[in-house]
Amino acid sequence: VIGHLKGAPASWWNHLHFQHHAKPNCFRKDPDVNMHPLFFALG
């Protein structure tokens, strides 16, 4: 689904998303908040 239907690697999604679930919104541990402080001031 992610490879053939979307063109992205499953390993990449697993690598990022499992970190997010382990430490959600924890700066430097959740890759989903990595835009702080380069683009946005979060929290």
ModelCIF file with pLDDT and N, C-alpha, C, O atoms, coordinates in Angstrom:
data_MODEL
#
_entry.id   MODEL 
#
_entity.id                         1 
_entity.type                       polymer 
_entity.pdbx_number_of_molecules   1 
#
_entity_poly.entity_id                      1 
_entity_poly.type                           'polypeptide(L)' 
_entity_poly.nstd_linkage                   no 
_entity_poly.nstd_monomer                   no 
_entity_poly.pdbx_seq_one_letter_code       VIGHLKGAPASWWNHLHFQHHAKPNCFRKDPDVNMHPLFFALG 
_entity_poly.pdbx_seq_one_letter_code_can   VIGHLKGAPASWWNHLHFQHHAKPNCFRKDPDVNMHPLFFALG 
_entity_poly.pdbx_strand_id                 A 
#
loop_
_entity_poly_seq.entity_id 
_entity_poly_seq.num 
_entity_poly_seq.mon_id 
_entity_poly_seq.hetero 
1 1  VAL n 
1 2  ILE n 
1 3  GLY n 
1 4  HIS n 
1 5  LEU n 
1 6  LYS n 
1 7  GLY n 
1 8  ALA n 
1 9  PRO n 
1 10 ALA n 
1 11 SER n 
1 12 TRP n 
1 13 TRP n 
1 14 ASN n 
1 15 HIS n 
1 16 LEU n 
1 17 HIS n 
1 18 PHE n 
1 19 GLN n 
1 20 HIS n 
1 21 HIS n 
1 22 ALA n 
1 23 LYS n 
1 24 PRO n 
1 25 ASN n 
1 26 CYS n 
1 27 PHE n 
1 28 ARG n 
1 29 LYS n 
1 30 ASP n 
1 31 PRO n 
1 32 ASP n 
1 33 VAL n 
1 34 ASN n 
1 35 MET n 
1 36 HIS n 
1 37 PRO n 
1 38 LEU n 
1 39 PHE n 
1 40 PHE n 
1 41 ALA n 
1 42 LEU n 
1 43 GLY n 
#
_struct_asym.id          A 
_struct_asym.entity_id   1 
#
loop_
_ma_qa_metric.id 
_ma_qa_metric.mode 
_ma_qa_metric.name 
_ma_qa_metric.software_group_id 
_ma_qa_metric.type 
1 global pLDDT . pLDDT 
2 local  pLDDT . pLDDT 
#
_ma_qa_metric_global.metric_id      1 
_ma_qa_metric_global.metric_value   94.81 
_ma_qa_metric_global.model_id       1 
_ma_qa_metric_global.ordinal_id     1 
#
loop_
_ma_qa_metric_local.label_asym_id 
_ma_qa_metric_local.label_comp_id 
_ma_qa_metric_local.label_seq_id 
_ma_qa_metric_local.metric_id 
_ma_qa_metric_local.metric_value 
_ma_qa_metric_local.model_id 
_ma_qa_metric_local.ordinal_id 
A VAL 1  2 98.00 1 1  
A ILE 2  2 97.00 1 2  
A GLY 3  2 97.00 1 3  
A HIS 4  2 97.00 1 4  
A LEU 5  2 97.00 1 5  
A LYS 6  2 97.00 1 6  
A GLY 7  2 96.00 1 7  
A ALA 8  2 97.00 1 8  
A PRO 9  2 97.00 1 9  
A ALA 10 2 97.00 1 10 
A SER 11 2 97.00 1 11 
A TRP 12 2 96.00 1 12 
A TRP 13 2 97.00 1 13 
A ASN 14 2 96.00 1 14 
A HIS 15 2 96.00 1 15 
A LEU 16 2 95.00 1 16 
A HIS 17 2 96.00 1 17 
A PHE 18 2 96.00 1 18 
A GLN 19 2 96.00 1 19 
A HIS 20 2 97.00 1 20 
A HIS 21 2 97.00 1 21 
A ALA 22 2 96.00 1 22 
A LYS 23 2 96.00 1 23 
A PRO 24 2 97.00 1 24 
A ASN 25 2 96.00 1 25 
A CYS 26 2 96.00 1 26 
A PHE 27 2 95.00 1 27 
A ARG 28 2 93.00 1 28 
A LYS 29 2 96.00 1 29 
A ASP 30 2 96.00 1 30 
A PRO 31 2 94.00 1 31 
A ASP 32 2 92.00 1 32 
A VAL 33 2 92.00 1 33 
A ASN 34 2 90.00 1 34 
A MET 35 2 89.00 1 35 
A HIS 36 2 92.00 1 36 
A PRO 37 2 91.00 1 37 
A LEU 38 2 89.00 1 38 
A PHE 39 2 91.00 1 39 
A PHE 40 2 92.00 1 40 
A ALA 41 2 92.00 1 41 
A LEU 42 2 92.00 1 42 
A GLY 43 2 91.00 1 43 
#
loop_
_atom_site.group_PDB 
_atom_site.id 
_atom_site.type_symbol 
_atom_site.label_atom_id 
_atom_site.label_alt_id 
_atom_site.label_comp_id 
_atom_site.label_asym_id 
_atom_site.label_entity_id 
_atom_site.label_seq_id 
_atom_site.pdbx_PDB_ins_code 
_atom_site.Cartn_x 
_atom_site.Cartn_y 
_atom_site.Cartn_z 
_atom_site.occupancy 
_atom_site.B_iso_or_equiv 
_atom_site.pdbx_formal_charge 
_atom_site.auth_seq_id 
_atom_site.auth_comp_id 
_atom_site.auth_asym_id 
_atom_site.auth_atom_id 
_atom_site.pdbx_PDB_model_num 
ATOM 1   N N  . VAL A 1 1  ? 0.828  -1.209 0.000  1.00 98.00 ? 1  VAL A N  1 
ATOM 2   C CA . VAL A 1 1  ? 0.000  0.000  0.000  1.00 98.00 ? 1  VAL A CA 1 
ATOM 3   C C  . VAL A 1 1  ? 0.863  1.260  0.000  1.00 98.00 ? 1  VAL A C  1 
ATOM 4   O O  . VAL A 1 1  ? 0.651  2.154  -0.819 1.00 98.00 ? 1  VAL A O  1 
ATOM 5   N N  . ILE A 1 2  ? 1.834  1.338  0.913  1.00 97.00 ? 2  ILE A N  1 
ATOM 6   C CA . ILE A 1 2  ? 2.634  2.566  0.973  1.00 97.00 ? 2  ILE A CA 1 
ATOM 7   C C  . ILE A 1 2  ? 3.652  2.613  -0.160 1.00 97.00 ? 2  ILE A C  1 
ATOM 8   O O  . ILE A 1 2  ? 4.009  3.695  -0.625 1.00 97.00 ? 2  ILE A O  1 
ATOM 9   N N  . GLY A 1 3  ? 4.129  1.438  -0.614 1.00 97.00 ? 3  GLY A N  1 
ATOM 10  C CA . GLY A 1 3  ? 5.127  1.412  -1.673 1.00 97.00 ? 3  GLY A CA 1 
ATOM 11  C C  . GLY A 1 3  ? 4.529  1.543  -3.055 1.00 97.00 ? 3  GLY A C  1 
ATOM 12  O O  . GLY A 1 3  ? 4.882  2.454  -3.804 1.00 97.00 ? 3  GLY A O  1 
ATOM 13  N N  . HIS A 1 4  ? 3.613  0.627  -3.405 1.00 97.00 ? 4  HIS A N  1 
ATOM 14  C CA . HIS A 1 4  ? 3.075  0.607  -4.763 1.00 97.00 ? 4  HIS A CA 1 
ATOM 15  C C  . HIS A 1 4  ? 1.948  1.614  -4.982 1.00 97.00 ? 4  HIS A C  1 
ATOM 16  O O  . HIS A 1 4  ? 1.817  2.164  -6.075 1.00 97.00 ? 4  HIS A O  1 
ATOM 17  N N  . LEU A 1 5  ? 1.137  1.859  -3.959 1.00 97.00 ? 5  LEU A N  1 
ATOM 18  C CA . LEU A 1 5  ? 0.023  2.791  -4.128 1.00 97.00 ? 5  LEU A CA 1 
ATOM 19  C C  . LEU A 1 5  ? 0.402  4.234  -3.821 1.00 97.00 ? 5  LEU A C  1 
ATOM 20  O O  . LEU A 1 5  ? -0.265 5.161  -4.281 1.00 97.00 ? 5  LEU A O  1 
ATOM 21  N N  . LYS A 1 6  ? 1.483  4.435  -3.036 1.00 97.00 ? 6  LYS A N  1 
ATOM 22  C CA . LYS A 1 6  ? 1.853  5.799  -2.647 1.00 97.00 ? 6  LYS A CA 1 
ATOM 23  C C  . LYS A 1 6  ? 3.277  6.192  -3.026 1.00 97.00 ? 6  LYS A C  1 
ATOM 24  O O  . LYS A 1 6  ? 3.592  7.381  -3.057 1.00 97.00 ? 6  LYS A O  1 
ATOM 25  N N  . GLY A 1 7  ? 4.139  5.232  -3.311 1.00 96.00 ? 7  GLY A N  1 
ATOM 26  C CA . GLY A 1 7  ? 5.500  5.560  -3.709 1.00 96.00 ? 7  GLY A CA 1 
ATOM 27  C C  . GLY A 1 7  ? 6.413  5.961  -2.579 1.00 96.00 ? 7  GLY A C  1 
ATOM 28  O O  . GLY A 1 7  ? 7.290  6.803  -2.771 1.00 96.00 ? 7  GLY A O  1 
ATOM 29  N N  . ALA A 1 8  ? 6.234  5.382  -1.398 1.00 97.00 ? 8  ALA A N  1 
ATOM 30  C CA . ALA A 1 8  ? 7.084  5.698  -0.243 1.00 97.00 ? 8  ALA A CA 1 
ATOM 31  C C  . ALA A 1 8  ? 7.543  4.399  0.418  1.00 97.00 ? 8  ALA A C  1 
ATOM 32  O O  . ALA A 1 8  ? 6.871  3.377  0.277  1.00 97.00 ? 8  ALA A O  1 
ATOM 33  N N  . PRO A 1 9  ? 8.662  4.408  1.131  1.00 97.00 ? 9  PRO A N  1 
ATOM 34  C CA . PRO A 1 9  ? 9.170  3.191  1.767  1.00 97.00 ? 9  PRO A CA 1 
ATOM 35  C C  . PRO A 1 9  ? 8.517  2.914  3.117  1.00 97.00 ? 9  PRO A C  1 
ATOM 36  O O  . PRO A 1 9  ? 8.388  3.812  3.949  1.00 97.00 ? 9  PRO A O  1 
ATOM 37  N N  . ALA A 1 10 ? 8.108  1.669  3.327  1.00 97.00 ? 10 ALA A N  1 
ATOM 38  C CA . ALA A 1 10 ? 7.507  1.284  4.603  1.00 97.00 ? 10 ALA A CA 1 
ATOM 39  C C  . ALA A 1 10 ? 8.502  1.455  5.749  1.00 97.00 ? 10 ALA A C  1 
ATOM 40  O O  . ALA A 1 10 ? 8.117  1.841  6.852  1.00 97.00 ? 10 ALA A O  1 
ATOM 41  N N  . SER A 1 11 ? 9.781  1.170  5.492  1.00 97.00 ? 11 SER A N  1 
ATOM 42  C CA . SER A 1 11 ? 10.802 1.285  6.538  1.00 97.00 ? 11 SER A CA 1 
ATOM 43  C C  . SER A 1 11 ? 10.944 2.724  7.016  1.00 97.00 ? 11 SER A C  1 
ATOM 44  O O  . SER A 1 11 ? 11.176 2.967  8.200  1.00 97.00 ? 11 SER A O  1 
ATOM 45  N N  . TRP A 1 12 ? 10.806 3.676  6.105  1.00 96.00 ? 12 TRP A N  1 
ATOM 46  C CA . TRP A 1 12 ? 10.881 5.096  6.462  1.00 96.00 ? 12 TRP A CA 1 
ATOM 47  C C  . TRP A 1 12 ? 9.721  5.473  7.378  1.00 96.00 ? 12 TRP A C  1 
ATOM 48  O O  . TRP A 1 12 ? 9.918  6.140  8.394  1.00 96.00 ? 12 TRP A O  1 
ATOM 49  N N  . TRP A 1 13 ? 8.521  5.048  7.018  1.00 97.00 ? 13 TRP A N  1 
ATOM 50  C CA . TRP A 1 13 ? 7.352  5.364  7.841  1.00 97.00 ? 13 TRP A CA 1 
ATOM 51  C C  . TRP A 1 13 ? 7.488  4.739  9.223  1.00 97.00 ? 13 TRP A C  1 
ATOM 52  O O  . TRP A 1 13 ? 7.232  5.396  10.232 1.00 97.00 ? 13 TRP A O  1 
ATOM 53  N N  . ASN A 1 14 ? 7.892  3.470  9.272  1.00 96.00 ? 14 ASN A N  1 
ATOM 54  C CA . ASN A 1 14 ? 8.054  2.798  10.561 1.00 96.00 ? 14 ASN A CA 1 
ATOM 55  C C  . ASN A 1 14 ? 9.087  3.516  11.429 1.00 96.00 ? 14 ASN A C  1 
ATOM 56  O O  . ASN A 1 14 ? 8.874  3.717  12.625 1.00 96.00 ? 14 ASN A O  1 
ATOM 57  N N  . HIS A 1 15 ? 10.191 3.895  10.821 1.00 96.00 ? 15 HIS A N  1 
ATOM 58  C CA . HIS A 1 15 ? 11.282 4.545  11.556 1.00 96.00 ? 15 HIS A CA 1 
ATOM 59  C C  . HIS A 1 15 ? 10.811 5.831  12.231 1.00 96.00 ? 15 HIS A C  1 
ATOM 60  O O  . HIS A 1 15 ? 11.121 6.075  13.397 1.00 96.00 ? 15 HIS A O  1 
ATOM 61  N N  . LEU A 1 16 ? 10.061 6.652  11.495 1.00 95.00 ? 16 LEU A N  1 
ATOM 62  C CA . LEU A 1 16 ? 9.603  7.929  12.042 1.00 95.00 ? 16 LEU A CA 1 
ATOM 63  C C  . LEU A 1 16 ? 8.397  7.779  12.959 1.00 95.00 ? 16 LEU A C  1 
ATOM 64  O O  . LEU A 1 16 ? 8.335  8.384  14.029 1.00 95.00 ? 16 LEU A O  1 
ATOM 65  N N  . HIS A 1 17 ? 7.438  6.962  12.521 1.00 96.00 ? 17 HIS A N  1 
ATOM 66  C CA . HIS A 1 17 ? 6.167  6.917  13.229 1.00 96.00 ? 17 HIS A CA 1 
ATOM 67  C C  . HIS A 1 17 ? 6.273  6.197  14.572 1.00 96.00 ? 17 HIS A C  1 
ATOM 68  O O  . HIS A 1 17 ? 5.564  6.549  15.515 1.00 96.00 ? 17 HIS A O  1 
ATOM 69  N N  . PHE A 1 18 ? 7.128  5.214  14.670 1.00 96.00 ? 18 PHE A N  1 
ATOM 70  C CA . PHE A 1 18 ? 7.282  4.508  15.947 1.00 96.00 ? 18 PHE A CA 1 
ATOM 71  C C  . PHE A 1 18 ? 7.956  5.409  16.978 1.00 96.00 ? 18 PHE A C  1 
ATOM 72  O O  . PHE A 1 18 ? 7.663  5.313  18.169 1.00 96.00 ? 18 PHE A O  1 
ATOM 73  N N  . GLN A 1 19 ? 8.860  6.287  16.528 1.00 96.00 ? 19 GLN A N  1 
ATOM 74  C CA . GLN A 1 19 ? 9.450  7.268  17.445 1.00 96.00 ? 19 GLN A CA 1 
ATOM 75  C C  . GLN A 1 19 ? 8.377  8.226  17.954 1.00 96.00 ? 19 GLN A C  1 
ATOM 76  O O  . GLN A 1 19 ? 8.346  8.582  19.132 1.00 96.00 ? 19 GLN A O  1 
ATOM 77  N N  . HIS A 1 20 ? 7.497  8.636  17.034 1.00 97.00 ? 20 HIS A N  1 
ATOM 78  C CA . HIS A 1 20 ? 6.415  9.542  17.414 1.00 97.00 ? 20 HIS A CA 1 
ATOM 79  C C  . HIS A 1 20 ? 5.531  8.923  18.481 1.00 97.00 ? 20 HIS A C  1 
ATOM 80  O O  . HIS A 1 20 ? 5.178  9.593  19.451 1.00 97.00 ? 20 HIS A O  1 
ATOM 81  N N  . HIS A 1 21 ? 5.166  7.658  18.322 1.00 97.00 ? 21 HIS A N  1 
ATOM 82  C CA . HIS A 1 21 ? 4.281  7.014  19.294 1.00 97.00 ? 21 HIS A CA 1 
ATOM 83  C C  . HIS A 1 21 ? 4.981  6.751  20.621 1.00 97.00 ? 21 HIS A C  1 
ATOM 84  O O  . HIS A 1 21 ? 4.335  6.736  21.669 1.00 97.00 ? 21 HIS A O  1 
ATOM 85  N N  . ALA A 1 22 ? 6.279  6.546  20.585 1.00 96.00 ? 22 ALA A N  1 
ATOM 86  C CA . ALA A 1 22 ? 7.006  6.292  21.829 1.00 96.00 ? 22 ALA A CA 1 
ATOM 87  C C  . ALA A 1 22 ? 7.101  7.550  22.686 1.00 96.00 ? 22 ALA A C  1 
ATOM 88  O O  . ALA A 1 22 ? 6.951  7.491  23.906 1.00 96.00 ? 22 ALA A O  1 
ATOM 89  N N  . LYS A 1 23 ? 7.352  8.692  22.037 1.00 96.00 ? 23 LYS A N  1 
ATOM 90  C CA . LYS A 1 23 ? 7.533  9.952  22.767 1.00 96.00 ? 23 LYS A CA 1 
ATOM 91  C C  . LYS A 1 23 ? 6.812  11.101 22.048 1.00 96.00 ? 23 LYS A C  1 
ATOM 92  O O  . LYS A 1 23 ? 7.472  12.012 21.549 1.00 96.00 ? 23 LYS A O  1 
ATOM 93  N N  . PRO A 1 24 ? 5.498  11.079 21.985 1.00 97.00 ? 24 PRO A N  1 
ATOM 94  C CA . PRO A 1 24 ? 4.782  12.131 21.257 1.00 97.00 ? 24 PRO A CA 1 
ATOM 95  C C  . PRO A 1 24 ? 4.996  13.510 21.875 1.00 97.00 ? 24 PRO A C  1 
ATOM 96  O O  . PRO A 1 24 ? 4.915  13.687 23.090 1.00 97.00 ? 24 PRO A O  1 
ATOM 97  N N  . ASN A 1 25 ? 5.273  14.486 20.999 1.00 96.00 ? 25 ASN A N  1 
ATOM 98  C CA . ASN A 1 25 ? 5.465  15.892 21.392 1.00 96.00 ? 25 ASN A CA 1 
ATOM 99  C C  . ASN A 1 25 ? 6.666  16.114 22.299 1.00 96.00 ? 25 ASN A C  1 
ATOM 100 O O  . ASN A 1 25 ? 6.762  17.154 22.951 1.00 96.00 ? 25 ASN A O  1 
ATOM 101 N N  . CYS A 1 26 ? 7.587  15.148 22.349 1.00 96.00 ? 26 CYS A N  1 
ATOM 102 C CA . CYS A 1 26 ? 8.818  15.331 23.115 1.00 96.00 ? 26 CYS A CA 1 
ATOM 103 C C  . CYS A 1 26 ? 9.904  15.852 22.174 1.00 96.00 ? 26 CYS A C  1 
ATOM 104 O O  . CYS A 1 26 ? 10.331 15.151 21.256 1.00 96.00 ? 26 CYS A O  1 
ATOM 105 N N  . PHE A 1 27 ? 10.336 17.065 22.408 1.00 95.00 ? 27 PHE A N  1 
ATOM 106 C CA . PHE A 1 27 ? 11.319 17.720 21.551 1.00 95.00 ? 27 PHE A CA 1 
ATOM 107 C C  . PHE A 1 27 ? 12.601 16.897 21.467 1.00 95.00 ? 27 PHE A C  1 
ATOM 108 O O  . PHE A 1 27 ? 13.107 16.411 22.479 1.00 95.00 ? 27 PHE A O  1 
ATOM 109 N N  . ARG A 1 28 ? 13.120 16.746 20.248 1.00 93.00 ? 28 ARG A N  1 
ATOM 110 C CA . ARG A 1 28 ? 14.321 15.991 19.911 1.00 93.00 ? 28 ARG A CA 1 
ATOM 111 C C  . ARG A 1 28 ? 14.112 14.477 19.977 1.00 93.00 ? 28 ARG A C  1 
ATOM 112 O O  . ARG A 1 28 ? 15.046 13.723 19.704 1.00 93.00 ? 28 ARG A O  1 
ATOM 113 N N  . LYS A 1 29 ? 12.926 14.020 20.328 1.00 96.00 ? 29 LYS A N  1 
ATOM 114 C CA . LYS A 1 29 ? 12.637 12.586 20.319 1.00 96.00 ? 29 LYS A CA 1 
ATOM 115 C C  . LYS A 1 29 ? 11.462 12.244 19.411 1.00 96.00 ? 29 LYS A C  1 
ATOM 116 O O  . LYS A 1 29 ? 11.397 11.141 18.869 1.00 96.00 ? 29 LYS A O  1 
ATOM 117 N N  . ASP A 1 30 ? 10.544 13.174 19.243 1.00 96.00 ? 30 ASP A N  1 
ATOM 118 C CA . ASP A 1 30 ? 9.434  12.986 18.315 1.00 96.00 ? 30 ASP A CA 1 
ATOM 119 C C  . ASP A 1 30 ? 9.765  13.732 17.022 1.00 96.00 ? 30 ASP A C  1 
ATOM 120 O O  . ASP A 1 30 ? 9.802  14.962 17.013 1.00 96.00 ? 30 ASP A O  1 
ATOM 121 N N  . PRO A 1 31 ? 10.006 12.994 15.924 1.00 94.00 ? 31 PRO A N  1 
ATOM 122 C CA . PRO A 1 31 ? 10.372 13.675 14.664 1.00 94.00 ? 31 PRO A CA 1 
ATOM 123 C C  . PRO A 1 31 ? 9.274  14.578 14.118 1.00 94.00 ? 31 PRO A C  1 
ATOM 124 O O  . PRO A 1 31 ? 9.543  15.425 13.266 1.00 94.00 ? 31 PRO A O  1 
ATOM 125 N N  . ASP A 1 32 ? 8.038  14.413 14.592 1.00 92.00 ? 32 ASP A N  1 
ATOM 126 C CA . ASP A 1 32 ? 6.936  15.239 14.088 1.00 92.00 ? 32 ASP A CA 1 
ATOM 127 C C  . ASP A 1 32 ? 6.999  16.680 14.578 1.00 92.00 ? 32 ASP A C  1 
ATOM 128 O O  . ASP A 1 32 ? 6.299  17.541 14.044 1.00 92.00 ? 32 ASP A O  1 
ATOM 129 N N  . VAL A 1 33 ? 7.827  16.958 15.587 1.00 92.00 ? 33 VAL A N  1 
ATOM 130 C CA . VAL A 1 33 ? 7.963  18.340 16.069 1.00 92.00 ? 33 VAL A CA 1 
ATOM 131 C C  . VAL A 1 33 ? 9.352  18.894 15.772 1.00 92.00 ? 33 VAL A C  1 
ATOM 132 O O  . VAL A 1 33 ? 9.824  19.816 16.436 1.00 92.00 ? 33 VAL A O  1 
ATOM 133 N N  . ASN A 1 34 ? 9.995  18.317 14.766 1.00 90.00 ? 34 ASN A N  1 
ATOM 134 C CA . ASN A 1 34 ? 11.344 18.761 14.409 1.00 90.00 ? 34 ASN A CA 1 
ATOM 135 C C  . ASN A 1 34 ? 11.371 20.140 13.757 1.00 90.00 ? 34 ASN A C  1 
ATOM 136 O O  . ASN A 1 34 ? 12.448 20.698 13.551 1.00 90.00 ? 34 ASN A O  1 
ATOM 137 N N  . MET A 1 35 ? 10.199 20.703 13.425 1.00 89.00 ? 35 MET A N  1 
ATOM 138 C CA . MET A 1 35 ? 10.198 22.039 12.805 1.00 89.00 ? 35 MET A CA 1 
ATOM 139 C C  . MET A 1 35 ? 10.429 23.130 13.845 1.00 89.00 ? 35 MET A C  1 
ATOM 140 O O  . MET A 1 35 ? 10.553 24.299 13.478 1.00 89.00 ? 35 MET A O  1 
ATOM 141 N N  . HIS A 1 36 ? 10.489 22.790 15.119 1.00 92.00 ? 36 HIS A N  1 
ATOM 142 C CA . HIS A 1 36 ? 10.868 23.738 16.160 1.00 92.00 ? 36 HIS A CA 1 
ATOM 143 C C  . HIS A 1 36 ? 12.378 23.648 16.358 1.00 92.00 ? 36 HIS A C  1 
ATOM 144 O O  . HIS A 1 36 ? 12.902 22.540 16.468 1.00 92.00 ? 36 HIS A O  1 
ATOM 145 N N  . PRO A 1 37 ? 13.104 24.776 16.409 1.00 91.00 ? 37 PRO A N  1 
ATOM 146 C CA . PRO A 1 37 ? 12.637 26.159 16.245 1.00 91.00 ? 37 PRO A CA 1 
ATOM 147 C C  . PRO A 1 37 ? 12.928 26.734 14.859 1.00 91.00 ? 37 PRO A C  1 
ATOM 148 O O  . PRO A 1 37 ? 12.823 27.945 14.662 1.00 91.00 ? 37 PRO A O  1 
ATOM 149 N N  . LEU A 1 38 ? 13.293 25.879 13.896 1.00 89.00 ? 38 LEU A N  1 
ATOM 150 C CA . LEU A 1 38 ? 13.710 26.385 12.595 1.00 89.00 ? 38 LEU A CA 1 
ATOM 151 C C  . LEU A 1 38 ? 12.607 27.190 11.907 1.00 89.00 ? 38 LEU A C  1 
ATOM 152 O O  . LEU A 1 38 ? 12.855 28.275 11.380 1.00 89.00 ? 38 LEU A O  1 
ATOM 153 N N  . PHE A 1 39 ? 11.374 26.642 11.917 1.00 91.00 ? 39 PHE A N  1 
ATOM 154 C CA . PHE A 1 39 ? 10.266 27.320 11.248 1.00 91.00 ? 39 PHE A CA 1 
ATOM 155 C C  . PHE A 1 39 ? 9.217  27.853 12.220 1.00 91.00 ? 39 PHE A C  1 
ATOM 156 O O  . PHE A 1 39 ? 8.656  28.929 12.014 1.00 91.00 ? 39 PHE A O  1 
ATOM 157 N N  . PHE A 1 40 ? 8.957  27.086 13.287 1.00 92.00 ? 40 PHE A N  1 
ATOM 158 C CA . PHE A 1 40 ? 7.893  27.457 14.210 1.00 92.00 ? 40 PHE A CA 1 
ATOM 159 C C  . PHE A 1 40 ? 8.384  27.390 15.642 1.00 92.00 ? 40 PHE A C  1 
ATOM 160 O O  . PHE A 1 40 ? 9.290  26.623 15.967 1.00 92.00 ? 40 PHE A O  1 
ATOM 161 N N  . ALA A 1 41 ? 7.777  28.201 16.497 1.00 92.00 ? 41 ALA A N  1 
ATOM 162 C CA . ALA A 1 41 ? 8.028  28.141 17.937 1.00 92.00 ? 41 ALA A CA 1 
ATOM 163 C C  . ALA A 1 41 ? 6.879  27.346 18.545 1.00 92.00 ? 41 ALA A C  1 
ATOM 164 O O  . ALA A 1 41 ? 5.754  27.838 18.628 1.00 92.00 ? 41 ALA A O  1 
ATOM 165 N N  . LEU A 1 42 ? 7.161  26.118 18.968 1.00 92.00 ? 42 LEU A N  1 
ATOM 166 C CA . LEU A 1 42 ? 6.113  25.203 19.404 1.00 92.00 ? 42 LEU A CA 1 
ATOM 167 C C  . LEU A 1 42 ? 6.067  25.079 20.920 1.00 92.00 ? 42 LEU A C  1 
ATOM 168 O O  . LEU A 1 42 ? 7.106  24.982 21.574 1.00 92.00 ? 42 LEU A O  1 
ATOM 169 N N  . GLY A 1 43 ? 4.874  25.082 21.470 1.00 91.00 ? 43 GLY A N  1 
ATOM 170 C CA . GLY A 1 43 ? 4.698  24.837 22.889 1.00 91.00 ? 43 GLY A CA 1 
ATOM 171 C C  . GLY A 1 43 ? 5.063  26.035 23.750 1.00 91.00 ? 43 GLY A C  1 
ATOM 172 O O  . GLY A 1 43 ? 4.961  25.969 24.975 1.00 91.00 ? 43 GLY A O  1 
#
